[in-house]
Amino acid sequence: MHMKVRVDRELCLSAGNCIAIAPTVFEFDEERKAVVLDPTSVDDDTLLEAAESCPFDAIIVEDEQGRQIYP
């Protein structure tokens, strides 16, 4: 299964936890907001761990059918 992931730019406050856990998936843009690069570059457990590490719940994870599974 490949989960879908997106970042709520209003909630992102540049903590950087997601980048530390999954640097192939997330990076900061010029506004120091996290953006998604390649969510298929890590396994689903790592992707979910990165989302859960965000103290602002700015990373939304959905299953293949578009159902939100985090937060």
PDB file of N, CA and C in Angstrom:
ATOM      1  N   MET A   1       0.846  -1.186   0.000  1.00  0.00           N
ATOM      2  CA  MET A   1       0.000   0.000   0.000  1.00  0.00           C
ATOM      3  C   MET A   1       0.885   1.241   0.000  1.00  0.00           C
ATOM      4  N   HIS A   2       0.520   2.197  -0.797  1.00  0.00           N
ATOM      5  CA  HIS A   2       1.223   3.474  -0.756  1.00  0.00           C
ATOM      6  C   HIS A   2       0.271   4.551  -0.263  1.00  0.00           C
ATOM      7  N   MET A   3       0.669   5.169   0.820  1.00  0.00           N
ATOM      8  CA  MET A   3      -0.146   6.228   1.381  1.00  0.00           C
ATOM      9  C   MET A   3       0.133   7.533   0.643  1.00  0.00           C
ATOM     10  N   LYS A   4      -0.859   8.414   0.681  1.00  0.00           N
ATOM     11  CA  LYS A   4      -0.706   9.749   0.126  1.00  0.00           C
ATOM     12  C   LYS A   4      -0.386  10.687   1.282  1.00  0.00           C
ATOM     13  N   VAL A   5       0.412  11.687   1.007  1.00  0.00           N
ATOM     14  CA  VAL A   5       0.802  12.610   2.072  1.00  0.00           C
ATOM     15  C   VAL A   5       0.807  14.028   1.521  1.00  0.00           C
ATOM     16  N   ARG A   6       0.379  14.954   2.370  1.00  0.00           N
ATOM     17  CA  ARG A   6       0.434  16.370   1.998  1.00  0.00           C
ATOM     18  C   ARG A   6       0.719  17.189   3.250  1.00  0.00           C
ATOM     19  N   VAL A   7       1.167  18.400   3.030  1.00  0.00           N
ATOM     20  CA  VAL A   7       1.505  19.293   4.143  1.00  0.00           C
ATOM     21  C   VAL A   7       0.524  20.453   4.143  1.00  0.00           C
ATOM     22  N   ASP A   8      -0.072  20.718   5.304  1.00  0.00           N
ATOM     23  CA  ASP A   8      -0.918  21.895   5.481  1.00  0.00           C
ATOM     24  C   ASP A   8       0.010  23.069   5.769  1.00  0.00           C
ATOM     25  N   ARG A   9       0.198  23.920   4.777  1.00  0.00           N
ATOM     26  CA  ARG A   9       1.160  25.018   4.884  1.00  0.00           C
ATOM     27  C   ARG A   9       0.782  26.023   5.968  1.00  0.00           C
ATOM     28  N   GLU A  10      -0.491  26.122   6.299  1.00  0.00           N
ATOM     29  CA  GLU A  10      -0.915  27.026   7.372  1.00  0.00           C
ATOM     30  C   GLU A  10      -0.441  26.527   8.737  1.00  0.00           C
ATOM     31  N   LEU A  11      -0.356  25.211   8.882  1.00  0.00           N
ATOM     32  CA  LEU A  11       0.028  24.618  10.171  1.00  0.00           C
ATOM     33  C   LEU A  11       1.533  24.412  10.310  1.00  0.00           C
ATOM     34  N   CYS A  12       2.245  24.316   9.190  1.00  0.00           N
ATOM     35  CA  CYS A  12       3.681  24.040   9.234  1.00  0.00           C
ATOM     36  C   CYS A  12       4.432  25.234   9.816  1.00  0.00           C
ATOM     37  N   LEU A  13       5.186  24.958  10.888  1.00  0.00           N
ATOM     38  CA  LEU A  13       5.980  26.005  11.534  1.00  0.00           C
ATOM     39  C   LEU A  13       7.465  25.666  11.541  1.00  0.00           C
ATOM     40  N   SER A  14       7.881  24.842  10.587  1.00  0.00           N
ATOM     41  CA  SER A  14       9.297  24.572  10.317  1.00  0.00           C
ATOM     42  C   SER A  14      10.040  23.857  11.435  1.00  0.00           C
ATOM     43  N   ALA A  15       9.379  22.943  12.113  1.00  0.00           N
ATOM     44  CA  ALA A  15      10.067  22.180  13.163  1.00  0.00           C
ATOM     45  C   ALA A  15      11.176  21.315  12.558  1.00  0.00           C
ATOM     46  N   GLY A  16      10.911  20.741  11.385  1.00  0.00           N
ATOM     47  CA  GLY A  16      11.930  19.953  10.701  1.00  0.00           C
ATOM     48  C   GLY A  16      12.001  18.491  11.089  1.00  0.00           C
ATOM     49  N   ASN A  17      11.136  18.043  11.994  1.00  0.00           N
ATOM     50  CA  ASN A  17      11.151  16.635  12.401  1.00  0.00           C
ATOM     51  C   ASN A  17      10.912  15.719  11.207  1.00  0.00           C
ATOM     52  N   CYS A  18       9.995  16.102  10.337  1.00  0.00           N
ATOM     53  CA  CYS A  18       9.673  15.256   9.181  1.00  0.00           C
ATOM     54  C   CYS A  18      10.892  15.083   8.285  1.00  0.00           C
ATOM     55  N   ILE A  19      11.671  16.144   8.117  1.00  0.00           N
ATOM     56  CA  ILE A  19      12.860  16.089   7.272  1.00  0.00           C
ATOM     57  C   ILE A  19      13.935  15.217   7.921  1.00  0.00           C
ATOM     58  N   ALA A  20      14.062  15.306   9.231  1.00  0.00           N
ATOM     59  CA  ALA A  20      15.045  14.481   9.937  1.00  0.00           C
ATOM     60  C   ALA A  20      14.724  12.993   9.784  1.00  0.00           C
ATOM     61  N   ILE A  21      13.443  12.652   9.814  1.00  0.00           N
ATOM     62  CA  ILE A  21      13.030  11.244   9.733  1.00  0.00           C
ATOM     63  C   ILE A  21      12.979  10.757   8.290  1.00  0.00           C
ATOM     64  N   ALA A  22      12.525  11.598   7.382  1.00  0.00           N
ATOM     65  CA  ALA A  22      12.341  11.175   5.990  1.00  0.00           C
ATOM     66  C   ALA A  22      12.835  12.248   5.011  1.00  0.00           C
ATOM     67  N   PRO A  23      14.155  12.432   4.931  1.00  0.00           N
ATOM     68  CA  PRO A  23      14.702  13.501   4.076  1.00  0.00           C
ATOM     69  C   PRO A  23      14.468  13.293   2.577  1.00  0.00           C
ATOM     70  N   THR A  24      14.140  12.084   2.160  1.00  0.00           N
ATOM     71  CA  THR A  24      13.834  11.876   0.741  1.00  0.00           C
ATOM     72  C   THR A  24      12.376  12.198   0.431  1.00  0.00           C
ATOM     73  N   VAL A  25      11.578  12.383   1.484  1.00  0.00           N
ATOM     74  CA  VAL A  25      10.157  12.677   1.307  1.00  0.00           C
ATOM     75  C   VAL A  25       9.878  14.162   1.483  1.00  0.00           C
ATOM     76  N   PHE A  26      10.535  14.786   2.450  1.00  0.00           N
ATOM     77  CA  PHE A  26      10.247  16.182   2.788  1.00  0.00           C
ATOM     78  C   PHE A  26      11.493  17.052   2.672  1.00  0.00           C
ATOM     79  N   GLU A  27      11.271  18.321   2.311  1.00  0.00           N
ATOM     80  CA  GLU A  27      12.313  19.338   2.394  1.00  0.00           C
ATOM     81  C   GLU A  27      11.630  20.678   2.617  1.00  0.00           C
ATOM     82  N   PHE A  28      12.413  21.678   3.045  1.00  0.00           N
ATOM     83  CA  PHE A  28      11.883  23.022   3.192  1.00  0.00           C
ATOM     84  C   PHE A  28      11.959  23.755   1.866  1.00  0.00           C
ATOM     85  N   ASP A  29      10.941  24.560   1.595  1.00  0.00           N
ATOM     86  CA  ASP A  29      10.984  25.426   0.427  1.00  0.00           C
ATOM     87  C   ASP A  29      11.558  26.780   0.844  1.00  0.00           C
ATOM     88  N   GLU A  30      11.470  27.755  -0.038  1.00  0.00           N
ATOM     89  CA  GLU A  30      12.069  29.069   0.241  1.00  0.00           C
ATOM     90  C   GLU A  30      11.391  29.791   1.397  1.00  0.00           C
ATOM     91  N   GLU A  31      10.173  29.378   1.753  1.00  0.00           N
ATOM     92  CA  GLU A  31       9.468  29.972   2.897  1.00  0.00           C
ATOM     93  C   GLU A  31       9.682  29.171   4.187  1.00  0.00           C
ATOM     94  N   ARG A  32      10.570  28.186   4.137  1.00  0.00           N
ATOM     95  CA  ARG A  32      10.836  27.270   5.250  1.00  0.00           C
ATOM     96  C   ARG A  32       9.581  26.525   5.674  1.00  0.00           C
ATOM     97  N   LYS A  33       8.793  26.156   4.691  1.00  0.00           N
ATOM     98  CA  LYS A  33       7.636  25.289   4.897  1.00  0.00           C
ATOM     99  C   LYS A  33       7.988  23.945   4.288  1.00  0.00           C
ATOM    100  N   ALA A  34       7.568  22.871   4.926  1.00  0.00           N
ATOM    101  CA  ALA A  34       7.844  21.538   4.391  1.00  0.00           C
ATOM    102  C   ALA A  34       7.030  21.300   3.126  1.00  0.00           C
ATOM    103  N   VAL A  35       7.672  20.693   2.149  1.00  0.00           N
ATOM    104  CA  VAL A  35       7.003  20.275   0.924  1.00  0.00           C
ATOM    105  C   VAL A  35       7.306  18.796   0.706  1.00  0.00           C
ATOM    106  N   VAL A  36       6.422  18.140  -0.019  1.00  0.00           N
ATOM    107  CA  VAL A  36       6.559  16.711  -0.276  1.00  0.00           C
ATOM    108  C   VAL A  36       7.357  16.506  -1.556  1.00  0.00           C
ATOM    109  N   LEU A  37       8.375  15.652  -1.472  1.00  0.00           N
ATOM    110  CA  LEU A  37       9.183  15.301  -2.634  1.00  0.00           C
ATOM    111  C   LEU A  37       8.703  13.977  -3.216  1.00  0.00           C
ATOM    112  N   ASP A  38       9.095  12.871  -2.588  1.00  0.00           N
ATOM    113  CA  ASP A  38       8.776  11.540  -3.104  1.00  0.00           C
ATOM    114  C   ASP A  38       8.298  10.634  -1.972  1.00  0.00           C
ATOM    115  N   PRO A  39       6.989  10.572  -1.736  1.00  0.00           N
ATOM    116  CA  PRO A  39       6.486   9.753  -0.637  1.00  0.00           C
ATOM    117  C   PRO A  39       6.709   8.257  -0.842  1.00  0.00           C
ATOM    118  N   THR A  40       7.000   7.824  -2.051  1.00  0.00           N
ATOM    119  CA  THR A  40       7.241   6.396  -2.293  1.00  0.00           C
ATOM    120  C   THR A  40       8.686   5.995  -1.998  1.00  0.00           C
ATOM    121  N   SER A  41       9.520   6.967  -1.597  1.00  0.00           N
ATOM    122  CA  SER A  41      10.935   6.677  -1.344  1.00  0.00           C
ATOM    123  C   SER A  41      11.178   6.021   0.017  1.00  0.00           C
ATOM    124  N   VAL A  42      10.152   5.951   0.848  1.00  0.00           N
ATOM    125  CA  VAL A  42      10.256   5.284   2.149  1.00  0.00           C
ATOM    126  C   VAL A  42       9.060   4.351   2.318  1.00  0.00           C
ATOM    127  N   ASP A  43       9.151   3.462   3.299  1.00  0.00           N
ATOM    128  CA  ASP A  43       8.016   2.585   3.552  1.00  0.00           C
ATOM    129  C   ASP A  43       6.929   3.341   4.311  1.00  0.00           C
ATOM    130  N   ASP A  44       5.742   2.748   4.338  1.00  0.00           N
ATOM    131  CA  ASP A  44       4.600   3.419   4.962  1.00  0.00           C
ATOM    132  C   ASP A  44       4.822   3.700   6.441  1.00  0.00           C
ATOM    133  N   ASP A  45       5.526   2.798   7.146  1.00  0.00           N
ATOM    134  CA  ASP A  45       5.783   3.018   8.571  1.00  0.00           C
ATOM    135  C   ASP A  45       6.628   4.275   8.791  1.00  0.00           C
ATOM    136  N   THR A  46       7.633   4.469   7.946  1.00  0.00           N
ATOM    137  CA  THR A  46       8.491   5.650   8.068  1.00  0.00           C
ATOM    138  C   THR A  46       7.708   6.911   7.729  1.00  0.00           C
ATOM    139  N   LEU A  47       6.870   6.829   6.715  1.00  0.00           N
ATOM    140  CA  LEU A  47       6.044   7.973   6.335  1.00  0.00           C
ATOM    141  C   LEU A  47       5.117   8.370   7.479  1.00  0.00           C
ATOM    142  N   LEU A  48       4.501   7.394   8.099  1.00  0.00           N
ATOM    143  CA  LEU A  48       3.609   7.668   9.224  1.00  0.00           C
ATOM    144  C   LEU A  48       4.383   8.197  10.425  1.00  0.00           C
ATOM    145  N   GLU A  49       5.566   7.656  10.673  1.00  0.00           N
ATOM    146  CA  GLU A  49       6.409   8.143  11.771  1.00  0.00           C
ATOM    147  C   GLU A  49       6.763   9.621  11.556  1.00  0.00           C
ATOM    148  N   ALA A  50       7.093   9.981  10.319  1.00  0.00           N
ATOM    149  CA  ALA A  50       7.420  11.374  10.015  1.00  0.00           C
ATOM    150  C   ALA A  50       6.215  12.277  10.262  1.00  0.00           C
ATOM    151  N   ALA A  51       5.042  11.833   9.842  1.00  0.00           N
ATOM    152  CA  ALA A  51       3.825  12.630  10.063  1.00  0.00           C
ATOM    153  C   ALA A  51       3.542  12.787  11.556  1.00  0.00           C
ATOM    154  N   GLU A  52       3.670  11.692  12.291  1.00  0.00           N
ATOM    155  CA  GLU A  52       3.404  11.731  13.731  1.00  0.00           C
ATOM    156  C   GLU A  52       4.425  12.568  14.487  1.00  0.00           C
ATOM    157  N   SER A  53       5.603  12.766  13.904  1.00  0.00           N
ATOM    158  CA  SER A  53       6.644  13.546  14.577  1.00  0.00           C
ATOM    159  C   SER A  53       6.390  15.045  14.512  1.00  0.00           C
ATOM    160  N   CYS A  54       5.466  15.464  13.659  1.00  0.00           N
ATOM    161  CA  CYS A  54       5.186  16.903  13.521  1.00  0.00           C
ATOM    162  C   CYS A  54       4.411  17.396  14.739  1.00  0.00           C
ATOM    163  N   PRO A  55       4.974  18.342  15.494  1.00  0.00           N
ATOM    164  CA  PRO A  55       4.278  18.819  16.699  1.00  0.00           C
ATOM    165  C   PRO A  55       3.048  19.667  16.383  1.00  0.00           C
ATOM    166  N   PHE A  56       2.869  20.025  15.115  1.00  0.00           N
ATOM    167  CA  PHE A  56       1.759  20.901  14.732  1.00  0.00           C
ATOM    168  C   PHE A  56       0.695  20.169  13.910  1.00  0.00           C
ATOM    169  N   ASP A  57       0.834  18.840  13.762  1.00  0.00           N
ATOM    170  CA  ASP A  57      -0.099  18.036  12.959  1.00  0.00           C
ATOM    171  C   ASP A  57      -0.302  18.617  11.562  1.00  0.00           C
ATOM    172  N   ALA A  58       0.785  19.101  10.965  1.00  0.00           N
ATOM    173  CA  ALA A  58       0.702  19.725   9.645  1.00  0.00           C
ATOM    174  C   ALA A  58       0.784  18.712   8.501  1.00  0.00           C
ATOM    175  N   ILE A  59       1.122  17.468   8.821  1.00  0.00           N
ATOM    176  CA  ILE A  59       1.270  16.453   7.775  1.00  0.00           C
ATOM    177  C   ILE A  59       0.046  15.548   7.796  1.00  0.00           C
ATOM    178  N   ILE A  60      -0.660  15.535   6.678  1.00  0.00           N
ATOM    179  CA  ILE A  60      -1.869  14.740   6.548  1.00  0.00           C
ATOM    180  C   ILE A  60      -1.551  13.503   5.718  1.00  0.00           C
ATOM    181  N   VAL A  61      -1.907  12.351   6.253  1.00  0.00           N
ATOM    182  CA  VAL A  61      -1.665  11.083   5.562  1.00  0.00           C
ATOM    183  C   VAL A  61      -3.012  10.451   5.246  1.00  0.00           C
ATOM    184  N   GLU A  62      -3.146  10.002   3.999  1.00  0.00           N
ATOM    185  CA  GLU A  62      -4.371   9.336   3.555  1.00  0.00           C
ATOM    186  C   GLU A  62      -4.020   7.982   2.959  1.00  0.00           C
ATOM    187  N   ASP A  63      -4.982   7.062   3.012  1.00  0.00           N
ATOM    188  CA  ASP A  63      -4.772   5.764   2.368  1.00  0.00           C
ATOM    189  C   ASP A  63      -5.031   5.890   0.872  1.00  0.00           C
ATOM    190  N   GLU A  64      -4.924   4.789   0.165  1.00  0.00           N
ATOM    191  CA  GLU A  64      -5.067   4.821  -1.290  1.00  0.00           C
ATOM    192  C   GLU A  64      -6.448   5.268  -1.749  1.00  0.00           C
ATOM    193  N   GLN A  65      -7.454   5.097  -0.876  1.00  0.00           N
ATOM    194  CA  GLN A  65      -8.817   5.511  -1.207  1.00  0.00           C
ATOM    195  C   GLN A  65      -9.098   6.956  -0.802  1.00  0.00           C
ATOM    196  N   GLY A  66      -8.105   7.642  -0.268  1.00  0.00           N
ATOM    197  CA  GLY A  66      -8.290   9.036   0.125  1.00  0.00           C
ATOM    198  C   GLY A  66      -8.853   9.229   1.526  1.00  0.00           C
ATOM    199  N   ARG A  67      -8.919   8.160   2.300  1.00  0.00           N
ATOM    200  CA  ARG A  67      -9.397   8.285   3.688  1.00  0.00           C
ATOM    201  C   ARG A  67      -8.247   8.762   4.571  1.00  0.00           C
ATOM    202  N   GLN A  68      -8.510   9.798   5.348  1.00  0.00           N
ATOM    203  CA  GLN A  68      -7.471  10.340   6.216  1.00  0.00           C
ATOM    204  C   GLN A  68      -7.179   9.359   7.340  1.00  0.00           C
ATOM    205  N   ILE A  69      -5.897   9.009   7.491  1.00  0.00           N
ATOM    206  CA  ILE A  69      -5.519   8.100   8.575  1.00  0.00           C
ATOM    207  C   ILE A  69      -4.648   8.791   9.635  1.00  0.00           C
ATOM    208  N   TYR A  70      -4.152   9.988   9.319  1.00  0.00           N
ATOM    209  CA  TYR A  70      -3.441  10.783  10.321  1.00  0.00           C
ATOM    210  C   TYR A  70      -3.482  12.247   9.879  1.00  0.00           C
ATOM    211  N   PRO A  71      -3.619  13.201  10.757  1.00  0.00           N
ATOM    212  CA  PRO A  71      -3.975  13.060  12.170  1.00  0.00           C
ATOM    213  C   PRO A  71      -5.440  12.742  12.343  1.00  0.00           C
TER     214      PRO A  71
END
